[in-house]
Amino acid sequence: MKRKLIIILSSVGILLLAFLLAGIFAGQKEEPKDKRPLAVTKTVQTKKVNYQTIQTDVVSYGRVQTAQTLDLLSEVSGRMYQGKVRLKEGERFKKGDLLFYIDDREPALNLKSQKSNFLRDLAGILPDLKVDFNNNFDAWNSYFNSLDIDKKFGPLPETASEKEKIFLATKGIYSSYYTIKSAEARLDKHRYYAPFDGSIMEVSLQSGSFINPGVSIGKVMRRGVHELKVAIETKDIPWIKENSPVKIYSDEMDQYLEGRVTRISDFVNQNTQSVDVFIAIQPSGSKIYDGQFFQAAIPARTVKDGMIMPRNAIYNGNEVFVVQDTLLKMRKINVIRLADEDAIISGLDRGEDLVIEPLIGAFNNMVVEKQEVKDIDLELGEANEAASTSQSPTASN
């Protein structure tokens, strides 16, 4: 019994000692410090409001196309042969070169037969002309002597009286003459001469093929005359005028050209949902290829008292933030023109600190710290810099 009591008291003592030591160690532990988050002031990029006269540009992209292409079609039937130029894609030719011809031996012989009959008929009436119309006989006699069945017939002499005209008509002279002229014109259609300096784009039939009227032989393009077709959004069309000078450039090919707006389409292109504008490229020493990709800066209207700013820093269509002291203030503006990335605005007081970057979660009277930016890269400004690098002067926006 005594032994059990000793064991119980020992266990209680050990427990009390353990609680005592735990309390001592707990008192020696340092209490954790209260860590409060530091207040952070957001830094925003600003620029001083300053208005100036801005020459705006409409910048777009497009591909070069030949200003003049022709389909080679035959108006007569027969065996077709190549002329001075091989009927191969890429072959060049000069103005006046024979591109192709249709076998004309049979129609040429028929024409000579008709001319021979005309000479016979005219020779048969010369004695009558000498007797009845002696005052005009020398003209007809000289005309008869000048005729050559291997050459084209010239115009008939003028008649001196109505009686003479009736006499010639009853003898079939006029009918025979115009039948010959028609045959001469048809014989000319057997040979096709190049109307300009150019090259062959497409070839549908090879030399030696038999063709019928209206069959396509190929397509040719004129060299040295190109135009650029660009797609312009409908909102920018009122800013563009025909005959305006255009700066055309390709950074990839390091080419800088000049052009002029020749025409503006009257309808919306269903493929691009924009209006096509055609720009004639002025000739230069630079080589231009059909289908080449170019960028064009078309001068638009001049804006007085405007300022360029990033478009994504505009809220609700016509609101921006300015910084007064250290607080954000929302202001309404006048949006004069919108581009893809930039906008031209007015409506703020000169010297105000305009926020030129988009802000997430910003609100009126929010405390900020401004960081003034002197120069910013804007879309309209980039078009100027690219267009003014070489031969072409700057097209400012």
Protein backbone atom coordinates (compact mmCIF):
# COMPACT_ATOMS: atom_id res chain seq x y z
CA MET A 1 0.00 0.00 0.00
CA LYS A 2 2.78 2.36 0.89
CA ARG A 3 4.57 1.45 -2.30
CA LYS A 4 1.57 2.36 -4.44
CA LEU A 5 1.27 5.72 -2.70
CA ILE A 6 4.93 6.49 -3.44
CA ILE A 7 4.46 5.61 -7.12
CA ILE A 8 1.38 7.85 -7.41
CA LEU A 9 3.10 10.81 -5.73
CA SER A 10 6.17 10.39 -7.95
CA SER A 11 4.02 10.44 -11.11
CA VAL A 12 2.19 13.58 -9.95
CA GLY A 13 5.53 15.24 -9.18
CA ILE A 14 6.91 14.45 -12.57
CA LEU A 15 3.83 15.91 -14.25
CA LEU A 16 4.03 19.09 -12.18
CA LEU A 17 7.71 19.47 -13.01
CA ALA A 18 6.97 19.04 -16.73
CA PHE A 19 4.27 21.76 -16.67
CA LEU A 20 6.64 24.03 -14.75
CA LEU A 21 9.45 23.59 -17.28
CA ALA A 22 7.05 24.12 -20.21
CA GLY A 23 5.89 27.41 -18.70
CA ILE A 24 9.49 28.55 -18.23
CA PHE A 25 10.45 27.76 -21.85
CA ALA A 26 7.28 29.37 -23.18
CA GLY A 27 8.08 32.59 -21.35
CA GLN A 28 11.50 32.74 -22.94
CA LYS A 29 10.09 32.54 -26.59
CA GLU A 30 9.88 35.90 -28.42
CA GLU A 31 6.47 36.97 -29.65
CA PRO A 32 6.17 37.23 -33.53
CA LYS A 33 6.40 40.75 -34.97
CA ASP A 34 3.33 42.26 -36.62
CA LYS A 35 4.23 42.49 -40.41
CA ARG A 36 2.00 45.02 -42.13
CA PRO A 37 2.13 45.43 -45.95
CA LEU A 38 3.98 48.50 -47.15
CA ALA A 39 1.94 51.04 -49.07
CA VAL A 40 2.95 50.99 -52.80
CA THR A 41 2.25 53.97 -55.07
CA LYS A 42 1.60 53.04 -58.72
CA THR A 43 3.85 54.73 -61.29
CA VAL A 44 2.18 55.86 -64.52
CA GLN A 45 3.67 57.19 -67.74
CA THR A 46 2.54 60.69 -68.66
CA LYS A 47 3.20 63.27 -71.32
CA LYS A 48 2.60 67.00 -71.31
CA VAL A 49 -0.39 68.04 -73.41
CA ASN A 50 0.85 70.03 -76.38
CA TYR A 51 -1.13 70.75 -79.53
CA GLN A 52 0.31 71.19 -83.00
CA THR A 53 -0.61 71.00 -86.67
CA ILE A 54 -0.52 67.34 -87.77
CA GLN A 55 -0.37 66.13 -91.35
CA THR A 56 -2.15 62.80 -91.09
CA ASP A 57 -1.47 59.74 -93.21
CA VAL A 58 -3.54 56.69 -93.98
CA VAL A 59 -1.17 53.74 -93.87
CA SER A 60 -2.10 50.49 -95.60
CA TYR A 61 -0.59 47.49 -97.33
CA GLY A 62 -1.13 45.95 -100.75
CA ARG A 63 0.35 44.06 -103.65
CA VAL A 64 1.65 45.43 -106.92
CA GLN A 65 -0.27 44.55 -110.02
CA THR A 66 0.44 45.38 -113.63
CA ALA A 67 -1.55 48.39 -114.74
CA GLN A 68 -2.20 46.92 -118.19
CA THR A 69 -2.68 43.28 -119.17
CA LEU A 70 -4.11 41.91 -122.40
CA ASP A 71 -5.56 38.54 -123.34
CA LEU A 72 -4.24 37.17 -126.62
CA LEU A 73 -7.31 36.11 -128.61
CA SER A 74 -7.60 35.13 -132.24
CA GLU A 75 -10.36 36.68 -134.36
CA VAL A 76 -9.85 34.18 -137.19
CA SER A 77 -9.42 30.43 -137.43
CA GLY A 78 -6.44 28.50 -138.69
CA ARG A 79 -3.08 27.07 -137.72
CA MET A 80 -1.27 29.34 -135.24
CA TYR A 81 2.49 29.88 -135.19
CA GLN A 82 4.77 31.93 -132.97
CA GLY A 83 6.28 35.09 -134.40
CA LYS A 84 9.47 36.84 -133.41
CA VAL A 85 8.99 35.97 -129.74
CA ARG A 86 8.80 32.45 -128.31
CA LEU A 87 5.43 31.69 -126.76
CA LYS A 88 6.88 30.97 -123.32
CA GLU A 89 6.05 32.51 -119.96
CA GLY A 90 8.47 35.27 -119.00
CA GLU A 91 9.58 36.00 -122.57
CA ARG A 92 10.00 39.73 -123.17
CA PHE A 93 9.11 41.63 -126.31
CA LYS A 94 9.30 45.13 -127.76
CA LYS A 95 6.47 47.23 -129.11
CA GLY A 96 5.79 46.20 -132.71
CA ASP A 97 7.22 42.68 -132.41
CA LEU A 98 5.18 39.93 -134.10
CA LEU A 99 3.86 37.76 -131.25
CA PHE A 100 1.98 35.17 -133.32
CA TYR A 101 0.30 34.72 -136.69
CA ILE A 102 -2.38 32.53 -138.22
CA ASP A 103 -1.74 30.76 -141.52
CA ASP A 104 -2.97 33.33 -144.05
CA ARG A 105 -2.01 31.80 -147.39
CA GLU A 106 -5.55 30.98 -148.49
CA PRO A 107 -7.16 34.34 -147.55
CA ALA A 108 -4.19 36.17 -149.08
CA LEU A 109 -4.74 34.39 -152.41
CA ASN A 110 -8.48 35.10 -152.30
CA LEU A 111 -7.71 38.78 -151.71
CA LYS A 112 -5.41 38.87 -154.74
CA SER A 113 -8.16 37.33 -156.81
CA GLN A 114 -10.60 40.04 -155.72
CA LYS A 115 -8.05 42.75 -156.47
CA SER A 116 -7.46 41.31 -159.95
CA ASN A 117 -11.20 41.42 -160.66
CA PHE A 118 -11.33 45.02 -159.46
CA LEU A 119 -8.46 45.97 -161.75
CA ARG A 120 -10.29 44.30 -164.65
CA ASP A 121 -13.53 46.16 -163.90
CA LEU A 122 -11.77 49.49 -163.47
CA ALA A 123 -9.80 49.02 -166.70
CA GLY A 124 -13.09 48.28 -168.50
CA ILE A 125 -14.65 51.64 -167.57
CA LEU A 126 -11.63 53.87 -168.18
CA PRO A 127 -12.58 54.49 -171.85
CA ASP A 128 -16.10 55.54 -170.78
CA LEU A 129 -14.65 57.82 -168.12
CA LYS A 130 -12.42 59.47 -170.74
CA VAL A 131 -15.39 60.13 -173.01
CA ASP A 132 -18.14 61.03 -170.54
CA PHE A 133 -16.11 62.44 -167.63
CA ASN A 134 -13.00 63.74 -169.24
CA ASN A 135 -12.44 66.40 -166.59
CA ASN A 136 -11.80 63.68 -163.95
CA PHE A 137 -10.24 61.02 -166.17
CA ASP A 138 -6.63 61.83 -165.22
CA ALA A 139 -7.38 61.18 -161.52
CA TRP A 140 -8.85 57.74 -162.25
CA ASN A 141 -6.13 56.86 -164.70
CA SER A 142 -3.40 57.75 -162.20
CA TYR A 143 -5.20 55.74 -159.51
CA PHE A 144 -5.41 52.71 -161.80
CA ASN A 145 -1.68 52.90 -162.59
CA SER A 146 -0.78 53.12 -158.88
CA LEU A 147 -2.62 49.93 -157.88
CA ASP A 148 -0.53 46.88 -156.89
CA ILE A 149 -2.24 43.62 -155.93
CA ASP A 150 0.59 42.90 -153.46
CA LYS A 151 -0.10 46.13 -151.58
CA LYS A 152 -3.13 47.68 -149.90
CA PHE A 153 -5.35 49.74 -152.15
CA GLY A 154 -5.50 53.43 -151.46
CA PRO A 155 -8.71 55.51 -151.25
CA LEU A 156 -10.73 56.04 -154.42
CA PRO A 157 -10.48 59.39 -156.20
CA GLU A 158 -13.17 61.96 -155.44
CA THR A 159 -15.96 62.13 -158.00
CA ALA A 160 -16.50 65.43 -159.82
CA SER A 161 -20.28 65.11 -160.20
CA GLU A 162 -23.31 63.14 -159.10
CA LYS A 163 -23.59 61.67 -162.58
CA GLU A 164 -20.06 60.27 -162.31
CA LYS A 165 -20.85 58.77 -158.89
CA ILE A 166 -23.95 57.06 -160.26
CA PHE A 167 -21.98 55.69 -163.18
CA LEU A 168 -19.34 54.16 -160.87
CA ALA A 169 -21.98 52.70 -158.57
CA THR A 170 -23.85 51.00 -161.45
CA LYS A 171 -20.58 49.46 -162.62
CA GLY A 172 -19.99 47.90 -159.14
CA ILE A 173 -16.78 49.83 -158.51
CA TYR A 174 -17.74 50.86 -154.97
CA SER A 175 -19.01 47.41 -154.05
CA SER A 176 -15.85 45.69 -155.28
CA TYR A 177 -13.58 48.27 -153.62
CA TYR A 178 -15.12 47.96 -150.12
CA THR A 179 -15.19 44.17 -150.39
CA ILE A 180 -11.45 44.34 -150.96
CA LYS A 181 -10.92 46.73 -148.04
CA SER A 182 -12.90 44.34 -145.79
CA ALA A 183 -10.75 41.42 -146.91
CA GLU A 184 -7.59 43.48 -146.25
CA ALA A 185 -8.76 44.24 -142.72
CA ARG A 186 -9.54 40.58 -142.09
CA LEU A 187 -6.16 39.53 -143.46
CA ASP A 188 -4.49 41.89 -140.96
CA LYS A 189 -6.14 39.93 -138.13
CA HIS A 190 -3.97 36.93 -139.01
CA ARG A 191 -0.97 38.70 -137.47
CA TYR A 192 -0.79 40.11 -133.95
CA TYR A 193 1.87 42.72 -133.17
CA ALA A 194 2.80 43.80 -129.64
CA PRO A 195 1.04 47.08 -128.70
CA PHE A 196 3.64 47.89 -126.02
CA ASP A 197 6.88 46.75 -124.40
CA GLY A 198 6.04 43.83 -122.15
CA SER A 199 6.38 40.16 -121.32
CA ILE A 200 4.27 37.03 -121.57
CA MET A 201 2.37 36.12 -118.39
CA GLU A 202 0.48 33.01 -119.50
CA VAL A 203 0.50 30.67 -122.48
CA SER A 204 -2.56 28.53 -123.24
CA LEU A 205 -1.65 27.13 -126.68
CA GLN A 206 1.64 26.19 -128.26
CA SER A 207 2.89 27.06 -131.73
CA GLY A 208 1.33 24.81 -134.37
CA SER A 209 -2.06 24.49 -132.66
CA PHE A 210 -5.25 24.92 -134.66
CA ILE A 211 -7.44 27.60 -133.16
CA ASN A 212 -10.91 29.01 -133.68
CA PRO A 213 -12.09 32.61 -133.21
CA GLY A 214 -12.29 33.65 -129.56
CA VAL A 215 -9.88 30.98 -128.28
CA SER A 216 -7.37 32.29 -125.73
CA ILE A 217 -3.73 31.93 -126.71
CA GLY A 218 -2.27 33.53 -123.57
CA LYS A 219 -1.90 36.77 -121.63
CA VAL A 220 0.69 39.54 -121.81
CA MET A 221 1.56 42.37 -119.43
CA ARG A 222 3.03 45.79 -119.99
CA ARG A 223 6.44 46.42 -118.46
CA GLY A 224 7.23 49.57 -116.53
CA VAL A 225 3.62 50.47 -115.69
CA HIS A 226 2.48 49.24 -112.28
CA GLU A 227 -0.11 50.15 -109.70
CA LEU A 228 -0.56 49.29 -106.04
CA LYS A 229 -3.96 48.12 -104.83
CA VAL A 230 -4.49 48.76 -101.11
CA ALA A 231 -7.48 48.11 -98.88
CA ILE A 232 -8.63 51.13 -96.86
CA GLU A 233 -11.20 51.03 -94.07
CA THR A 234 -14.41 52.88 -94.88
CA LYS A 235 -13.85 55.29 -91.98
CA ASP A 236 -10.60 56.49 -93.59
CA ILE A 237 -11.93 56.97 -97.13
CA PRO A 238 -13.24 60.54 -96.47
CA TRP A 239 -9.68 61.50 -95.54
CA ILE A 240 -8.28 60.49 -98.95
CA LYS A 241 -8.45 62.46 -102.19
CA GLU A 242 -7.70 61.38 -105.75
CA ASN A 243 -4.46 62.57 -107.33
CA SER A 244 -2.78 62.77 -103.89
CA PRO A 245 0.96 61.91 -103.83
CA VAL A 246 1.79 58.67 -102.02
CA LYS A 247 4.97 57.37 -100.39
CA ILE A 248 5.48 53.66 -101.11
CA TYR A 249 8.10 51.59 -99.34
CA SER A 250 9.19 48.05 -98.58
CA ASP A 251 11.56 47.55 -95.66
CA GLU A 252 12.18 43.96 -96.71
CA MET A 253 13.35 44.90 -100.22
CA ASP A 254 14.77 48.28 -99.12
CA GLN A 255 12.75 50.05 -101.82
CA TYR A 256 11.27 53.54 -101.60
CA LEU A 257 9.01 54.71 -104.40
CA GLU A 258 6.56 57.46 -105.17
CA GLY A 259 3.04 57.15 -106.50
CA ARG A 260 -0.27 58.92 -106.90
CA VAL A 261 -3.86 57.98 -106.10
CA THR A 262 -5.54 57.38 -109.45
CA ARG A 263 -8.95 56.08 -108.43
CA ILE A 264 -11.02 55.07 -105.41
CA SER A 265 -13.53 52.25 -105.64
CA ASP A 266 -17.20 53.09 -105.19
CA PHE A 267 -18.06 49.86 -103.39
CA VAL A 268 -16.88 47.73 -100.48
CA ASN A 269 -14.76 44.69 -101.33
CA GLN A 270 -16.68 41.71 -99.98
CA ASN A 271 -13.49 39.76 -99.30
CA THR A 272 -11.75 42.44 -97.22
CA GLN A 273 -14.79 44.50 -96.10
CA SER A 274 -12.88 47.62 -97.10
CA VAL A 275 -12.62 49.98 -100.05
CA ASP A 276 -9.95 49.42 -102.69
CA VAL A 277 -7.70 52.37 -103.52
CA PHE A 278 -5.46 52.20 -106.59
CA ILE A 279 -2.09 53.96 -106.63
CA ALA A 280 -0.08 54.44 -109.83
CA ILE A 281 3.61 53.85 -109.16
CA GLN A 282 5.86 56.38 -110.82
CA PRO A 283 8.65 54.84 -112.95
CA SER A 284 12.05 54.59 -111.29
CA GLY A 285 15.26 52.66 -111.69
CA SER A 286 14.11 50.15 -109.09
CA LYS A 287 12.90 46.75 -110.31
CA ILE A 288 9.26 46.06 -109.42
CA TYR A 289 7.68 42.62 -109.66
CA ASP A 290 4.04 41.85 -110.23
CA GLY A 291 2.58 40.63 -106.92
CA GLN A 292 5.25 42.30 -104.76
CA PHE A 293 4.11 43.47 -101.30
CA PHE A 294 4.41 47.17 -100.39
CA GLN A 295 3.30 49.58 -97.67
CA ALA A 296 1.78 52.92 -98.65
CA ALA A 297 1.41 56.15 -96.69
CA ILE A 298 -1.35 58.25 -98.26
CA PRO A 299 -1.52 61.89 -97.12
CA ALA A 300 -4.88 62.69 -95.55
CA ARG A 301 -6.31 65.85 -94.01
CA THR A 302 -4.28 68.32 -91.97
CA VAL A 303 -5.43 68.53 -88.33
CA LYS A 304 -4.89 71.83 -86.54
CA ASP A 305 -4.40 71.86 -82.75
CA GLY A 306 -4.23 68.11 -82.28
CA MET A 307 -2.16 65.67 -80.24
CA ILE A 308 -1.24 62.05 -80.94
CA MET A 309 -1.63 59.51 -78.12
CA PRO A 310 -1.91 55.71 -77.82
CA ARG A 311 -5.42 54.51 -78.58
CA ASN A 312 -5.45 51.95 -75.75
CA ALA A 313 -5.11 54.77 -73.19
CA ILE A 314 -8.61 56.02 -74.09
CA TYR A 315 -11.54 54.71 -72.06
CA ASN A 316 -15.24 54.55 -72.91
CA GLY A 317 -14.54 56.03 -76.33
CA ASN A 318 -13.75 59.59 -75.20
CA GLU A 319 -12.24 59.57 -71.69
CA VAL A 320 -8.63 59.69 -70.47
CA PHE A 321 -6.75 60.01 -67.19
CA VAL A 322 -4.64 63.03 -66.25
CA VAL A 323 -2.51 63.46 -63.15
CA GLN A 324 -3.16 66.43 -60.86
CA ASP A 325 -0.57 66.62 -58.10
CA THR A 326 -0.53 62.91 -57.20
CA LEU A 327 -4.14 62.03 -58.04
CA LEU A 328 -5.69 60.50 -61.15
CA LYS A 329 -8.48 62.54 -62.71
CA MET A 330 -10.81 61.34 -65.47
CA ARG A 331 -11.36 63.84 -68.31
CA LYS A 332 -13.46 63.84 -71.47
CA ILE A 333 -11.70 64.52 -74.79
CA ASN A 334 -12.52 65.12 -78.45
CA VAL A 335 -11.37 62.22 -80.62
CA ILE A 336 -10.51 63.65 -84.04
CA ARG A 337 -9.20 60.49 -85.71
CA LEU A 338 -8.55 56.88 -84.73
CA ALA A 339 -5.84 54.66 -86.22
CA ASP A 340 -5.14 51.02 -85.39
CA GLU A 341 -2.89 51.88 -82.47
CA ASP A 342 -3.03 55.67 -82.08
CA ALA A 343 -5.51 58.51 -81.95
CA ILE A 344 -5.49 62.25 -82.56
CA ILE A 345 -7.27 64.10 -79.75
CA SER A 346 -8.05 67.56 -78.38
CA GLY A 347 -10.07 68.98 -75.52
CA LEU A 348 -7.46 69.04 -72.72
CA ASP A 349 -5.66 72.06 -71.34
CA ARG A 350 -2.13 72.61 -72.54
CA GLY A 351 0.49 71.51 -70.03
CA GLU A 352 -1.67 68.89 -68.32
CA ASP A 353 -0.06 65.54 -67.55
CA LEU A 354 -1.83 63.05 -69.81
CA VAL A 355 -1.57 59.34 -68.94
CA ILE A 356 -0.37 57.56 -72.09
CA GLU A 357 -0.54 53.93 -70.94
CA PRO A 358 -3.54 51.69 -70.26
CA LEU A 359 -4.31 51.28 -66.55
CA ILE A 360 -6.00 48.27 -64.99
CA GLY A 361 -8.20 48.89 -61.98
CA ALA A 362 -7.57 52.65 -62.02
CA PHE A 363 -10.16 54.99 -60.56
CA ASN A 364 -10.75 58.67 -59.97
CA ASN A 365 -8.58 60.23 -57.19
CA MET A 366 -6.27 57.21 -57.13
CA VAL A 367 -2.84 58.12 -55.73
CA VAL A 368 -0.12 57.66 -58.34
CA GLU A 369 3.39 58.74 -59.12
CA LYS A 370 3.94 60.16 -62.60
CA GLN A 371 6.85 59.34 -64.89
CA GLU A 372 6.98 61.89 -67.71
CA VAL A 373 7.90 60.55 -71.15
CA LYS A 374 9.35 62.97 -73.67
CA ASP A 375 9.12 60.83 -76.83
CA ILE A 376 6.94 57.82 -77.52
CA ASP A 377 6.83 55.47 -80.49
CA LEU A 378 3.49 55.90 -82.18
CA GLU A 379 2.08 54.18 -85.23
CA LEU A 380 1.63 57.40 -87.17
CA GLY A 381 5.15 58.50 -86.40
CA GLU A 382 6.61 55.15 -87.46
CA ALA A 383 5.09 55.57 -90.92
CA ASN A 384 6.92 58.86 -91.28
CA GLU A 385 10.27 57.43 -90.29
CA ALA A 386 9.98 54.45 -92.64
CA ALA A 387 8.95 56.53 -95.63
CA SER A 388 11.71 59.11 -95.22
CA THR A 389 14.71 56.82 -95.03
CA SER A 390 15.88 57.00 -98.64
CA GLN A 391 14.77 58.68 -101.83
CA SER A 392 11.32 59.64 -100.62
CA PRO A 393 10.75 62.57 -98.26
CA THR A 394 8.88 62.16 -94.99
CA ALA A 395 5.12 61.56 -95.05
CA SER A 396 4.20 62.96 -91.67
CA ASN A 397 1.08 62.16 -89.72
